[in-house]
Amino acid sequence: MSRAWGVDGGQSAGARPDEARRHNRAALLRRLHVDGPCTRATLATELGLNRSTIKAVVDGLADAGVVTEAVPAQRTGAGRPSLMVLPEPEAAVVLAVDVWVEQVAMAMVGIGGQVLGRHSWNLHHRTRTPGEVITHVAESAQLLADELAVTAQGAAVSVPGVVRRDDGFVHEAPNLGWRDIALGARLGSVLKIPVQVANDAELGALAEHVRGVARASTDLVYVSADRGVGGGVISEGRPLRGARGYVGELGHLVVRPGGRPCYCGSRGCWETEVGEAALCRALGLPEDAKRGVVVSELRSLATRPAPGPLDEFAEWLAVGLVTVVNMMAPELVVLGDLFAALPTGVVDHVRGLVQERSLVSRATGGVRIETSPLGRDAKLVGAAELAFEPVLVAV
C-alpha cells in the first residue's frame, strides 16, 4: 500500500515549518485512518519522524478532538509504555454514495473507515433519472446527518459509467440511461459540500487497494461484472486514470469479432460474453433474472461435478483477462461484483488458463487472480476513501 511519509529534520529541504507541520499532521492522520490505532513509537518509526515531532502532532490532533490516547491493553517490556493513538471516527465524516442500476446505497463514514450509518433504496424506471437520484440522495443525507448528529465534510459518488474526473461530469452511464450529466456540480450545489464523482470500477480498485485483498499490492487491476464489465487500475500505488479520467472501459475490448452487438456500437465486446446477461444465459436463466437468483444459482454450482454450465463462460473470461494481464502486467487481478460470486472451481480454471496463455504472467512467475472480499460494498468503500483524500489534509 502506498504511504504518506512525514517531513522531519532535513527530509524536505526548503519546506517552511507550517508546511512541514501540515504535511506531518496529514501523514499521521492518514496512517491512523488506513491502518488503525498504534503507539506513538510505531508512528515515529513508520513516518520517519522523531519523538518530539510525533508528540507535537499528536497533541495538536488531540486538542482538536481528532484523536485520543490510551495506555495499551498489553504492555511489552519494562518502563513507561508508549501511548496508543486512536482516531475519533466522528471528528471527520464523509458521505459515500454508490449508484447501481437497480439500487442506490449511501453511508456516513468516519475516520478509520467506520460506517456510522447507512441507507439504501431501489431504483425503478421513473426514479432513475438524475434529478430524482440527486433529490433522494440529498434528502437521505440530511436524514442520516440529523439521526447521527454529524456533518459530512465531503462526498464522493460511484457511477457505472464514463466519468470525467476533473469535475464529476458523467459523459455516459448507458445502463442508467444517463448522458452528459454534470453530477458533481449539481449534487455539490445541493449538499453544499465538495462532491467528487468517479467510475464505479475505479472506486472498486481503490477500495481493494486500501481495505481489501490488494492492500499489499502496488500494481493491480480490478475487474467487475454488473450489467456491464468495468475495470479500475492501480499502477505503482496510484490510480491510473488516463486523459480526463476516461480509463477502464475493459468491457469494450473486442474479443469476438462479429459477435453479439454491443450498445457501444461495436460487436463482440468482452461484456457481451461475460456480463450479467451472458452469465444468465450460461446458467439457463432469463437475461433479466434478479441478482439474488443469479447468485443463488452460482452458489449451487459449487456442489456440482465438472464439467459445468460455465465452461464456455470461463473461457471467455480468461480470453479477456489474458489481454488485460499482457497489457497491464499487474501483480494482482481482483474479480468483483458478480465475478466474486463465481464458484471456486471456475475461478481456479480461469486462473490456470491465464497462467498458461499469458506471456506476461509466465514471465513474472504468475499473476495472482483473487475474488473481492468486500462484496457489494466495494464501490461504497471506494467512494468513502475518495472523499477522505482532501478531508484528511484539511482536518
Protein backbone atom coordinates (compact mmCIF):
# COMPACT_ATOMS: atom_id res chain seq x y z
CA MET A 1 0.00 0.00 0.00
CA SER A 2 1.21 3.49 -0.70
CA ARG A 3 2.11 5.56 2.35
CA ALA A 4 2.18 9.27 3.06
CA TRP A 5 5.58 9.87 4.61
CA GLY A 6 6.35 12.55 7.17
CA VAL A 7 8.60 15.56 6.94
CA ASP A 8 11.19 15.84 9.68
CA GLY A 9 14.66 17.22 10.12
CA GLY A 10 16.14 17.68 6.68
CA GLN A 11 13.77 15.37 4.82
CA SER A 12 12.22 18.16 2.78
CA ALA A 13 14.77 20.81 2.02
CA GLY A 14 13.33 24.30 1.92
CA ALA A 15 9.95 23.35 3.41
CA ARG A 16 8.53 26.04 5.68
CA PRO A 17 7.73 24.99 9.26
CA ASP A 18 3.98 25.44 8.78
CA GLU A 19 4.06 23.35 5.58
CA ALA A 20 6.02 20.62 7.37
CA ARG A 21 3.51 20.61 10.24
CA ARG A 22 0.55 20.29 7.87
CA HIS A 23 2.29 17.52 5.97
CA ASN A 24 3.16 15.60 9.14
CA ARG A 25 -0.35 16.04 10.50
CA ALA A 26 -1.94 14.72 7.30
CA ALA A 27 0.53 11.82 7.07
CA LEU A 28 -0.12 10.75 10.66
CA LEU A 29 -3.87 11.01 10.30
CA ARG A 30 -3.74 9.07 7.02
CA ARG A 31 -1.75 6.32 8.77
CA LEU A 32 -4.35 6.03 11.55
CA HIS A 33 -7.23 6.19 9.05
CA VAL A 34 -5.91 3.36 6.89
CA ASP A 35 -4.13 1.06 9.34
CA GLY A 36 -5.87 1.81 12.62
CA PRO A 37 -4.66 2.72 16.13
CA CYS A 38 -1.00 2.34 17.04
CA THR A 39 1.52 3.67 19.53
CA ARG A 40 3.45 6.89 19.28
CA ALA A 41 6.62 4.84 18.92
CA THR A 42 5.21 2.98 15.93
CA LEU A 43 4.10 6.23 14.33
CA ALA A 44 7.58 7.68 14.76
CA THR A 45 9.17 4.64 13.12
CA GLU A 46 6.72 4.32 10.22
CA LEU A 47 6.56 8.02 9.38
CA GLY A 48 10.27 8.69 9.89
CA LEU A 49 9.65 11.40 12.48
CA ASN A 50 11.43 11.96 15.78
CA ARG A 51 9.59 11.62 19.10
CA SER A 52 9.26 15.31 19.77
CA THR A 53 7.66 15.88 16.35
CA ILE A 54 5.25 12.98 16.90
CA LYS A 55 4.32 14.37 20.32
CA ALA A 56 3.63 17.81 18.89
CA VAL A 57 1.47 16.44 16.06
CA VAL A 58 -0.48 14.05 18.30
CA ASP A 59 -1.00 16.71 20.96
CA GLY A 60 -2.35 19.09 18.34
CA LEU A 61 -4.77 16.48 16.97
CA ALA A 62 -5.84 15.54 20.49
CA ASP A 63 -6.52 19.18 21.37
CA ALA A 64 -8.69 19.42 18.25
CA GLY A 65 -10.62 16.28 19.26
CA VAL A 66 -9.42 14.32 16.23
CA VAL A 67 -7.56 11.62 18.19
CA THR A 68 -7.49 10.28 21.73
CA GLU A 69 -4.72 8.47 23.59
CA ALA A 70 -4.80 5.48 25.88
CA VAL A 71 -2.40 3.11 27.62
CA PRO A 72 -2.08 -0.10 25.53
CA ALA A 73 -4.04 -3.04 26.88
CA GLN A 74 -0.97 -5.25 26.57
CA ARG A 75 2.39 -3.96 27.72
CA THR A 76 5.71 -5.24 26.48
CA GLY A 77 8.97 -4.68 28.32
CA ALA A 78 9.75 -2.55 31.33
CA GLY A 79 9.35 1.17 31.73
CA ARG A 80 6.63 3.57 30.73
CA PRO A 81 4.59 2.27 27.75
CA SER A 82 4.19 4.31 24.59
CA LEU A 83 0.65 5.66 24.44
CA MET A 84 -1.76 4.22 21.89
CA VAL A 85 -3.16 6.84 19.47
CA LEU A 86 -6.75 6.25 18.33
CA PRO A 87 -8.67 8.24 15.71
CA GLU A 88 -12.05 9.66 16.70
CA PRO A 89 -14.41 8.49 13.91
CA GLU A 90 -16.83 11.39 14.19
CA ALA A 91 -14.09 14.04 14.06
CA ALA A 92 -14.16 13.87 10.27
CA VAL A 93 -17.08 12.37 8.36
CA VAL A 94 -17.74 11.88 4.65
CA LEU A 95 -20.76 10.84 2.61
CA ALA A 96 -20.27 7.88 0.28
CA VAL A 97 -22.83 7.11 -2.45
CA ASP A 98 -22.91 4.10 -4.75
CA VAL A 99 -25.35 4.28 -7.67
CA TRP A 100 -26.21 0.87 -9.13
CA VAL A 101 -28.59 0.22 -11.99
CA GLU A 102 -31.31 -1.04 -9.64
CA GLN A 103 -30.32 0.48 -6.30
CA VAL A 104 -28.57 3.35 -4.55
CA ALA A 105 -26.59 2.76 -1.37
CA MET A 106 -25.13 5.50 0.80
CA ALA A 107 -23.27 5.75 4.07
CA MET A 108 -21.85 8.26 6.50
CA VAL A 109 -18.29 7.13 7.17
CA GLY A 110 -15.94 8.34 9.88
CA ILE A 111 -12.15 8.37 10.18
CA GLY A 112 -10.81 4.84 10.16
CA GLY A 113 -13.42 3.75 7.65
CA GLN A 114 -16.06 3.24 10.35
CA VAL A 115 -19.57 3.20 8.91
CA LEU A 116 -21.64 5.41 11.22
CA GLY A 117 -24.93 4.92 9.40
CA ARG A 118 -26.25 3.80 6.04
CA HIS A 119 -29.33 3.83 3.86
CA SER A 120 -30.34 2.33 0.52
CA TRP A 121 -33.31 2.33 -1.81
CA ASN A 122 -34.35 0.64 -5.03
CA LEU A 123 -34.37 2.40 -8.38
CA HIS A 124 -37.16 1.96 -10.88
CA HIS A 125 -37.51 3.42 -14.35
CA ARG A 126 -39.24 6.59 -13.12
CA THR A 127 -36.86 7.10 -10.16
CA ARG A 128 -33.68 6.51 -12.14
CA THR A 129 -33.46 9.99 -13.65
CA PRO A 130 -30.53 12.13 -12.47
CA GLY A 131 -32.85 14.68 -10.88
CA GLU A 132 -34.71 12.03 -8.88
CA VAL A 133 -31.47 10.44 -7.70
CA ILE A 134 -29.94 13.79 -6.70
CA THR A 135 -33.06 14.76 -4.74
CA HIS A 136 -33.23 11.43 -2.95
CA VAL A 137 -29.51 11.48 -2.11
CA ALA A 138 -29.79 14.98 -0.65
CA GLU A 139 -32.87 14.13 1.41
CA SER A 140 -31.41 10.87 2.70
CA ALA A 141 -28.07 12.51 3.51
CA GLN A 142 -29.83 15.11 5.63
CA LEU A 143 -31.83 12.43 7.45
CA LEU A 144 -28.67 10.45 8.17
CA ALA A 145 -26.79 13.54 9.33
CA ASP A 146 -29.63 14.50 11.70
CA GLU A 147 -30.00 10.97 13.03
CA LEU A 148 -26.27 10.59 13.69
CA ALA A 149 -25.71 14.23 14.74
CA VAL A 150 -22.75 14.54 12.34
CA THR A 151 -21.82 16.80 9.45
CA ALA A 152 -20.22 15.44 6.30
CA GLN A 153 -17.17 17.42 5.18
CA GLY A 154 -17.04 15.92 1.71
CA ALA A 155 -18.76 13.39 -0.52
CA ALA A 156 -18.00 11.02 -3.37
CA VAL A 157 -20.28 9.15 -5.74
CA SER A 158 -19.71 5.91 -7.62
CA VAL A 159 -21.42 5.73 -11.03
CA PRO A 160 -21.45 2.84 -13.53
CA GLY A 161 -20.41 4.92 -16.49
CA VAL A 162 -17.82 7.10 -18.20
CA VAL A 163 -17.00 9.89 -15.77
CA ARG A 164 -14.76 12.94 -16.25
CA ARG A 165 -12.75 13.01 -13.04
CA ASP A 166 -11.93 16.73 -13.24
CA ASP A 167 -15.43 17.85 -12.34
CA GLY A 168 -17.64 14.78 -11.95
CA PHE A 169 -19.28 15.15 -15.35
CA VAL A 170 -20.97 11.89 -16.36
CA HIS A 171 -20.47 11.57 -20.10
CA GLU A 172 -22.46 8.38 -20.38
CA ALA A 173 -23.97 5.81 -17.99
CA PRO A 174 -25.88 3.68 -20.51
CA ASN A 175 -27.44 1.20 -18.10
CA LEU A 176 -28.88 4.12 -16.14
CA GLY A 177 -29.95 5.96 -19.30
CA TRP A 178 -27.78 8.97 -18.30
CA ARG A 179 -25.84 11.12 -20.74
CA ASP A 180 -23.99 14.42 -20.29
CA ILE A 181 -24.93 14.96 -16.62
CA ALA A 182 -22.99 17.48 -14.50
CA LEU A 183 -23.50 15.26 -11.46
CA GLY A 184 -20.64 16.60 -9.33
CA ALA A 185 -21.67 20.23 -9.74
CA ARG A 186 -25.41 19.58 -9.32
CA LEU A 187 -25.08 17.42 -6.23
CA GLY A 188 -22.45 19.70 -4.71
CA SER A 189 -24.76 22.71 -5.06
CA VAL A 190 -27.49 20.82 -3.19
CA LEU A 191 -25.34 19.27 -0.45
CA LYS A 192 -23.21 22.41 0.00
CA ILE A 193 -20.02 20.33 0.31
CA PRO A 194 -17.35 19.28 -2.20
CA VAL A 195 -18.53 16.29 -4.25
CA GLN A 196 -16.33 14.01 -6.33
CA VAL A 197 -17.69 11.52 -8.85
CA ALA A 198 -15.85 8.52 -10.26
CA ASN A 199 -16.40 5.40 -12.30
CA ASP A 200 -17.55 2.52 -10.13
CA ALA A 201 -14.76 0.12 -11.12
CA GLU A 202 -12.11 2.76 -10.44
CA LEU A 203 -13.50 3.06 -6.92
CA GLY A 204 -13.59 -0.71 -6.59
CA ALA A 205 -9.86 -0.76 -7.31
CA LEU A 206 -9.26 1.98 -4.74
CA ALA A 207 -11.28 0.07 -2.12
CA GLU A 208 -9.36 -3.15 -2.68
CA HIS A 209 -6.05 -1.27 -2.53
CA VAL A 210 -6.85 0.48 0.75
CA ARG A 211 -9.07 -2.00 2.61
CA GLY A 212 -9.37 -5.19 0.58
CA VAL A 213 -7.36 -8.05 -0.84
CA ALA A 214 -4.88 -5.72 -2.58
CA ARG A 215 -3.58 -3.86 0.49
CA ALA A 216 -0.05 -5.10 -0.12
CA SER A 217 -0.12 -4.64 -3.91
CA THR A 218 1.05 -1.55 -5.77
CA ASP A 219 0.01 -2.74 -9.24
CA LEU A 220 -3.44 -4.24 -9.65
CA VAL A 221 -6.42 -4.40 -11.94
CA TYR A 222 -9.94 -4.63 -10.56
CA VAL A 223 -12.44 -6.18 -12.97
CA SER A 224 -16.13 -6.22 -12.10
CA ALA A 225 -19.31 -7.51 -13.71
CA ASP A 226 -22.72 -6.00 -13.21
CA ARG A 227 -24.93 -5.27 -16.22
CA GLY A 228 -21.67 -4.45 -17.97
CA VAL A 229 -17.99 -5.08 -17.27
CA GLY A 230 -15.68 -2.38 -15.98
CA GLY A 231 -12.11 -2.08 -14.79
CA GLY A 232 -10.04 0.02 -12.44
CA VAL A 233 -6.25 0.17 -12.39
CA ILE A 234 -3.75 0.98 -9.65
CA SER A 235 -0.24 1.50 -11.05
CA GLU A 236 2.74 2.00 -8.72
CA GLY A 237 0.34 2.68 -5.88
CA ARG A 238 -1.69 5.34 -7.69
CA PRO A 239 -4.91 5.22 -9.73
CA LEU A 240 -4.34 5.12 -13.48
CA ARG A 241 -6.93 7.49 -14.90
CA GLY A 242 -5.94 8.37 -18.44
CA ALA A 243 -6.95 11.57 -20.23
CA ARG A 244 -9.59 13.44 -18.19
CA GLY A 245 -10.21 10.30 -16.14
CA TYR A 246 -11.62 8.23 -19.00
CA VAL A 247 -9.96 4.88 -18.42
CA GLY A 248 -11.01 1.37 -17.51
CA GLU A 249 -13.62 0.50 -20.14
CA LEU A 250 -12.28 -3.04 -20.28
CA GLY A 251 -15.71 -4.42 -21.08
CA HIS A 252 -15.36 -2.98 -24.57
CA LEU A 253 -12.29 -4.92 -25.56
CA VAL A 254 -13.37 -6.79 -28.68
CA VAL A 255 -12.82 -10.48 -28.01
CA ARG A 256 -15.18 -11.99 -30.57
CA PRO A 257 -15.24 -10.07 -33.88
CA GLY A 258 -18.64 -10.39 -35.46
CA GLY A 259 -20.15 -11.48 -32.17
CA ARG A 260 -23.17 -10.07 -30.36
CA PRO A 261 -23.90 -6.37 -30.90
CA CYS A 262 -22.94 -4.10 -28.01
CA TYR A 263 -24.62 -0.82 -27.10
CA CYS A 264 -21.31 0.96 -27.71
CA GLY A 265 -21.75 0.34 -31.45
CA SER A 266 -19.24 -2.46 -31.77
CA ARG A 267 -19.77 -6.22 -31.86
CA GLY A 268 -18.23 -8.98 -29.76
CA CYS A 269 -17.20 -6.79 -26.82
CA TRP A 270 -15.96 -8.67 -23.76
CA GLU A 271 -19.01 -7.74 -21.73
CA THR A 272 -21.33 -9.32 -24.31
CA GLU A 273 -19.62 -12.62 -23.42
CA VAL A 274 -19.10 -12.25 -19.64
CA GLY A 275 -21.51 -9.53 -18.47
CA GLU A 276 -24.61 -10.26 -16.39
CA ALA A 277 -26.77 -11.16 -19.39
CA ALA A 278 -24.13 -13.60 -20.65
CA LEU A 279 -23.85 -15.16 -17.20
CA CYS A 280 -27.62 -15.60 -17.06
CA ARG A 281 -27.58 -17.30 -20.47
CA ALA A 282 -24.83 -19.65 -19.33
CA LEU A 283 -26.85 -20.57 -16.25
CA GLY A 284 -30.01 -21.14 -18.27
CA LEU A 285 -31.74 -18.15 -16.67
CA PRO A 286 -33.61 -15.26 -18.33
CA GLU A 287 -31.24 -12.42 -19.16
CA ASP A 288 -33.18 -10.13 -16.81
CA ALA A 289 -33.12 -12.54 -13.84
CA LYS A 290 -32.91 -10.90 -10.41
CA ARG A 291 -29.44 -10.61 -8.88
CA GLY A 292 -30.38 -12.83 -5.94
CA VAL A 293 -31.49 -15.62 -8.28
CA VAL A 294 -28.21 -15.42 -10.23
CA VAL A 295 -26.08 -15.53 -7.07
CA SER A 296 -28.12 -18.42 -5.65
CA GLU A 297 -27.62 -20.40 -8.86
CA LEU A 298 -23.88 -19.71 -8.77
CA ARG A 299 -23.66 -20.98 -5.20
CA SER A 300 -25.46 -24.17 -6.16
CA LEU A 301 -22.80 -24.88 -8.78
CA ALA A 302 -20.15 -25.27 -6.08
CA THR A 303 -21.54 -28.73 -5.28
CA ARG A 304 -21.91 -29.93 -8.89
CA PRO A 305 -19.22 -32.03 -10.54
CA ALA A 306 -17.36 -30.79 -13.63
CA PRO A 307 -17.89 -30.18 -16.47
CA GLY A 308 -20.34 -27.43 -15.67
CA PRO A 309 -22.52 -24.90 -17.46
CA LEU A 310 -19.92 -22.16 -17.02
CA ASP A 311 -17.14 -23.80 -19.05
CA GLU A 312 -17.62 -21.55 -22.09
CA PHE A 313 -18.19 -18.52 -19.86
CA ALA A 314 -14.87 -19.25 -18.10
CA GLU A 315 -13.16 -19.50 -21.48
CA TRP A 316 -14.32 -16.01 -22.49
CA LEU A 317 -13.45 -14.60 -19.08
CA ALA A 318 -9.92 -15.98 -19.49
CA VAL A 319 -9.64 -14.58 -23.03
CA GLY A 320 -10.24 -11.05 -21.76
CA LEU A 321 -8.07 -11.44 -18.68
CA VAL A 322 -5.13 -12.63 -20.78
CA THR A 323 -5.33 -9.39 -22.76
CA VAL A 324 -5.62 -7.32 -19.56
CA VAL A 325 -2.63 -9.08 -17.98
CA ASN A 326 -0.50 -8.78 -21.11
CA MET A 327 -1.28 -5.05 -21.39
CA MET A 328 -1.07 -4.04 -17.71
CA ALA A 329 1.33 -6.60 -16.16
CA PRO A 330 -0.30 -6.29 -12.72
CA GLU A 331 0.76 -8.14 -9.59
CA LEU A 332 -2.86 -8.91 -8.90
CA VAL A 333 -6.22 -9.09 -10.67
CA VAL A 334 -9.24 -8.72 -8.38
CA LEU A 335 -12.60 -10.07 -9.56
CA GLY A 336 -15.52 -8.07 -8.17
CA ASP A 337 -19.32 -7.93 -8.14
CA LEU A 338 -20.79 -10.97 -9.95
CA PHE A 339 -17.33 -12.31 -10.73
CA ALA A 340 -16.71 -12.56 -6.98
CA ALA A 341 -19.67 -14.94 -6.73
CA LEU A 342 -18.24 -17.42 -9.25
CA PRO A 343 -17.62 -20.91 -7.83
CA THR A 344 -14.06 -21.54 -6.64
CA GLY A 345 -13.58 -24.23 -9.28
CA VAL A 346 -14.43 -21.79 -12.07
CA VAL A 347 -12.01 -19.17 -10.73
CA ASP A 348 -9.27 -21.80 -10.39
CA HIS A 349 -9.87 -22.87 -14.00
CA VAL A 350 -9.67 -19.26 -15.23
CA ARG A 351 -6.52 -18.71 -13.18
CA GLY A 352 -4.91 -21.71 -14.85
CA LEU A 353 -5.88 -20.58 -18.34
CA VAL A 354 -4.42 -17.11 -17.77
CA GLN A 355 -1.17 -18.56 -16.46
CA GLU A 356 -0.97 -20.90 -19.45
CA ARG A 357 -1.76 -18.32 -22.13
CA SER A 358 -0.33 -15.04 -20.84
CA LEU A 359 3.26 -14.33 -21.78
CA VAL A 360 3.48 -11.67 -19.06
CA SER A 361 2.08 -13.99 -16.39
CA ARG A 362 4.65 -16.66 -17.23
CA ALA A 363 7.46 -14.11 -17.33
CA THR A 364 6.60 -12.73 -13.89
CA GLY A 365 6.09 -16.11 -12.28
CA GLY A 366 2.31 -15.85 -12.27
CA VAL A 367 -0.18 -13.03 -11.80
CA ARG A 368 -2.41 -13.56 -8.77
CA ILE A 369 -6.13 -13.68 -9.50
CA GLU A 370 -8.36 -13.29 -6.44
CA THR A 371 -12.04 -12.60 -5.76
CA SER A 372 -13.02 -9.49 -3.83
CA PRO A 373 -13.72 -9.91 -0.10
CA LEU A 374 -15.64 -6.62 0.02
CA GLY A 375 -18.73 -7.86 -1.85
CA ARG A 376 -21.32 -5.30 -2.85
CA ASP A 377 -19.75 -2.73 -0.53
CA ALA A 378 -16.57 -2.37 -2.61
CA LYS A 379 -17.68 0.72 -4.53
CA LEU A 380 -19.16 2.31 -1.40
CA VAL A 381 -15.87 1.78 0.43
CA GLY A 382 -14.00 3.25 -2.54
CA ALA A 383 -16.27 6.29 -2.63
CA ALA A 384 -15.59 6.92 1.06
CA GLU A 385 -11.83 6.69 0.51
CA LEU A 386 -12.01 9.10 -2.43
CA ALA A 387 -13.98 11.57 -0.34
CA PHE A 388 -11.49 11.30 2.52
CA GLU A 389 -8.45 12.20 0.40
CA PRO A 390 -8.93 16.00 0.64
CA VAL A 391 -10.68 15.85 4.03
CA LEU A 392 -7.74 14.24 5.84
CA VAL A 393 -5.48 17.02 4.59
CA ALA A 394 -7.85 19.72 5.86
CA VAL A 395 -8.71 18.29 9.32
